[in-house]
N, C-alpha and C. Protein backbone atom coordinates (compact mmCIF):
# COMPACT_ATOMS: atom_id res chain seq x y z
N MET A 1 130.55 147.09 51.01
CA MET A 1 131.41 146.70 52.71
C MET A 1 131.71 148.62 53.03
N GLU A 2 131.71 149.68 52.13
CA GLU A 2 131.53 150.45 53.36
C GLU A 2 129.91 151.00 53.24
N ASN A 3 129.60 150.88 51.98
CA ASN A 3 127.96 151.13 52.17
C ASN A 3 127.19 150.35 53.07
N LYS A 4 127.51 148.66 52.82
CA LYS A 4 126.90 148.04 53.84
C LYS A 4 126.70 148.68 55.03
N GLN A 5 128.28 148.71 56.13
CA GLN A 5 128.31 149.84 57.44
C GLN A 5 127.76 150.56 57.48
N VAL A 6 127.69 152.10 56.17
CA VAL A 6 127.08 153.20 56.38
C VAL A 6 125.42 152.73 56.56
N THR A 7 125.00 151.69 55.60
CA THR A 7 123.04 151.50 55.21
C THR A 7 122.86 150.68 56.76
N GLN A 8 124.61 150.01 57.04
CA GLN A 8 123.42 149.75 59.30
C GLN A 8 123.17 149.82 59.88
N GLU A 9 124.66 151.71 59.78
CA GLU A 9 124.40 152.41 60.86
C GLU A 9 122.88 152.86 61.18
N VAL A 10 123.20 153.08 59.30
CA VAL A 10 121.40 154.13 59.77
C VAL A 10 120.69 153.75 60.15
N LEU A 11 121.13 152.23 59.60
CA LEU A 11 118.62 151.54 60.56
C LEU A 11 118.83 150.88 61.76
N LEU A 12 120.28 151.17 62.66
CA LEU A 12 120.28 151.49 63.59
C LEU A 12 119.88 152.25 64.53
N GLU A 13 119.61 153.90 63.64
CA GLU A 13 119.38 154.94 64.31
C GLU A 13 117.76 155.14 64.47
N GLU A 14 117.70 154.70 62.54
CA GLU A 14 116.43 154.25 62.68
C GLU A 14 115.04 153.53 63.52
N ILE A 15 115.99 152.68 63.75
CA ILE A 15 115.29 150.98 64.72
C ILE A 15 115.54 151.86 66.57
N GLU A 16 116.78 152.51 66.61
CA GLU A 16 116.36 153.39 67.68
C GLU A 16 115.15 154.13 67.83
N ARG A 17 115.07 155.16 66.71
CA ARG A 17 113.73 156.16 66.95
C ARG A 17 112.85 156.13 66.55
N ILE A 18 112.85 154.72 66.43
CA ILE A 18 111.46 154.60 66.37
C ILE A 18 110.61 153.76 67.89
N ARG A 19 111.83 152.71 67.98
CA ARG A 19 111.53 151.91 68.50
C ARG A 19 110.78 152.48 69.83
N GLU A 20 111.56 154.20 70.21
CA GLU A 20 111.42 154.79 70.99
C GLU A 20 110.39 155.68 71.55
N ILE A 21 109.47 156.14 70.15
CA ILE A 21 108.68 157.01 69.64
C ILE A 21 107.41 154.90 69.91
N MET A 22 107.74 154.47 69.87
CA MET A 22 106.05 153.04 70.29
C MET A 22 106.03 153.17 71.01
N ILE A 23 107.56 153.45 72.09
CA ILE A 23 107.53 153.11 74.14
C ILE A 23 106.82 154.22 74.13
N TYR A 24 107.08 155.33 73.26
CA TYR A 24 105.64 156.84 73.76
C TYR A 24 104.66 155.97 73.32
N THR A 25 104.26 156.18 72.95
CA THR A 25 102.52 156.09 72.32
C THR A 25 102.77 155.31 73.30
N ALA A 26 103.12 154.12 73.26
CA ALA A 26 102.26 152.81 74.65
C ALA A 26 102.24 153.82 75.80
N LEU A 27 103.47 153.96 75.78
CA LEU A 27 102.82 154.50 77.50
C LEU A 27 102.07 155.91 77.14
N LYS A 28 101.41 156.91 76.74
CA LYS A 28 100.28 157.65 75.93
C LYS A 28 98.80 157.12 76.23
N GLU A 29 98.68 156.31 74.83
CA GLU A 29 97.68 155.27 74.19
C GLU A 29 97.10 154.14 74.97
N GLY A 30 98.20 153.31 75.00
CA GLY A 30 97.77 151.59 75.74
C GLY A 30 98.97 150.66 74.71
N LEU A 31 98.97 149.56 74.95
CA LEU A 31 100.29 148.19 74.40
C LEU A 31 99.18 148.76 73.20
N VAL A 32 98.10 148.16 72.85
CA VAL A 32 96.78 147.67 71.76
C VAL A 32 96.16 149.20 70.97
N SER A 33 96.55 150.21 70.87
CA SER A 33 96.39 151.47 70.19
C SER A 33 96.07 150.92 69.50
N ASP A 34 95.82 151.42 67.75
CA ASP A 34 95.99 151.22 67.21
C ASP A 34 97.26 151.78 66.87
N ASN A 35 97.08 153.12 67.09
CA ASN A 35 99.14 153.60 66.78
C ASN A 35 100.38 153.47 67.32
N THR A 36 100.06 153.08 68.41
CA THR A 36 101.14 151.51 69.11
C THR A 36 101.04 150.32 68.25
N VAL A 37 100.71 150.01 67.10
CA VAL A 37 100.58 148.59 66.99
C VAL A 37 101.10 149.07 65.12
N LYS A 38 100.65 150.72 64.75
CA LYS A 38 100.54 151.05 62.99
C LYS A 38 103.04 151.51 63.71
N VAL A 39 102.95 151.52 64.66
CA VAL A 39 104.64 151.93 64.84
C VAL A 39 105.81 150.87 65.15
N SER A 40 104.29 149.50 65.53
CA SER A 40 105.56 147.93 66.09
C SER A 40 105.49 147.36 64.82
N GLN A 41 104.84 147.82 63.49
CA GLN A 41 104.70 147.22 62.30
C GLN A 41 106.11 148.29 61.42
N VAL A 42 106.36 149.25 61.50
CA VAL A 42 107.49 149.37 60.77
C VAL A 42 108.03 149.43 61.26
N LEU A 43 108.34 149.74 62.63
CA LEU A 43 109.58 148.31 63.57
C LEU A 43 109.63 147.35 63.32
N ASP A 44 108.61 146.75 63.09
CA ASP A 44 108.72 145.20 62.95
C ASP A 44 109.34 144.91 61.28
N ARG A 45 109.63 145.88 60.70
CA ARG A 45 109.86 146.45 58.29
C ARG A 45 111.16 145.96 58.85
N LYS A 46 111.68 147.27 60.08
CA LYS A 46 112.81 148.61 59.66
C LYS A 46 113.61 147.02 60.74
N LEU A 47 113.34 146.78 61.45
CA LEU A 47 113.63 145.01 62.30
C LEU A 47 114.60 144.48 60.47
N ASN A 48 113.37 144.18 59.99
CA ASN A 48 113.63 142.73 58.69
C ASN A 48 114.67 142.84 57.74
N GLU A 49 114.57 144.15 57.96
CA GLU A 49 115.82 145.51 56.82
C GLU A 49 116.71 144.97 57.70
N LEU A 50 117.14 145.03 58.71
CA LEU A 50 118.22 144.36 59.16
C LEU A 50 118.94 143.67 58.68
N GLU A 51 117.93 142.76 59.01
CA GLU A 51 118.56 141.13 59.62
C GLU A 51 118.83 140.46 58.03
N GLU A 52 117.78 141.53 57.07
CA GLU A 52 118.73 140.86 55.46
C GLU A 52 120.04 141.18 55.20
N ILE A 53 120.72 142.41 55.80
CA ILE A 53 122.66 142.90 55.80
C ILE A 53 122.91 142.01 57.19
N TYR A 54 122.65 141.34 57.54
CA TYR A 54 122.94 140.36 58.43
C TYR A 54 122.89 138.99 57.11
C-alpha cells in the first residue's frame, strides 16, 4: 500500500508539471500547435497511468 501511495504522489506531481507546460505552450504557440498537442498526449498517458492505480 505504501508503494502505491508513493507512485500516486509522484504521478500527481508529474501530471501537475506537465499540465503547466501544456498551458504555457498553448498560450505561447496556440492550442493546436504540434508542441501543444504532443504535451497534451503525454498528459493523457500520465492521466491513464493514474487511472490504472485507482
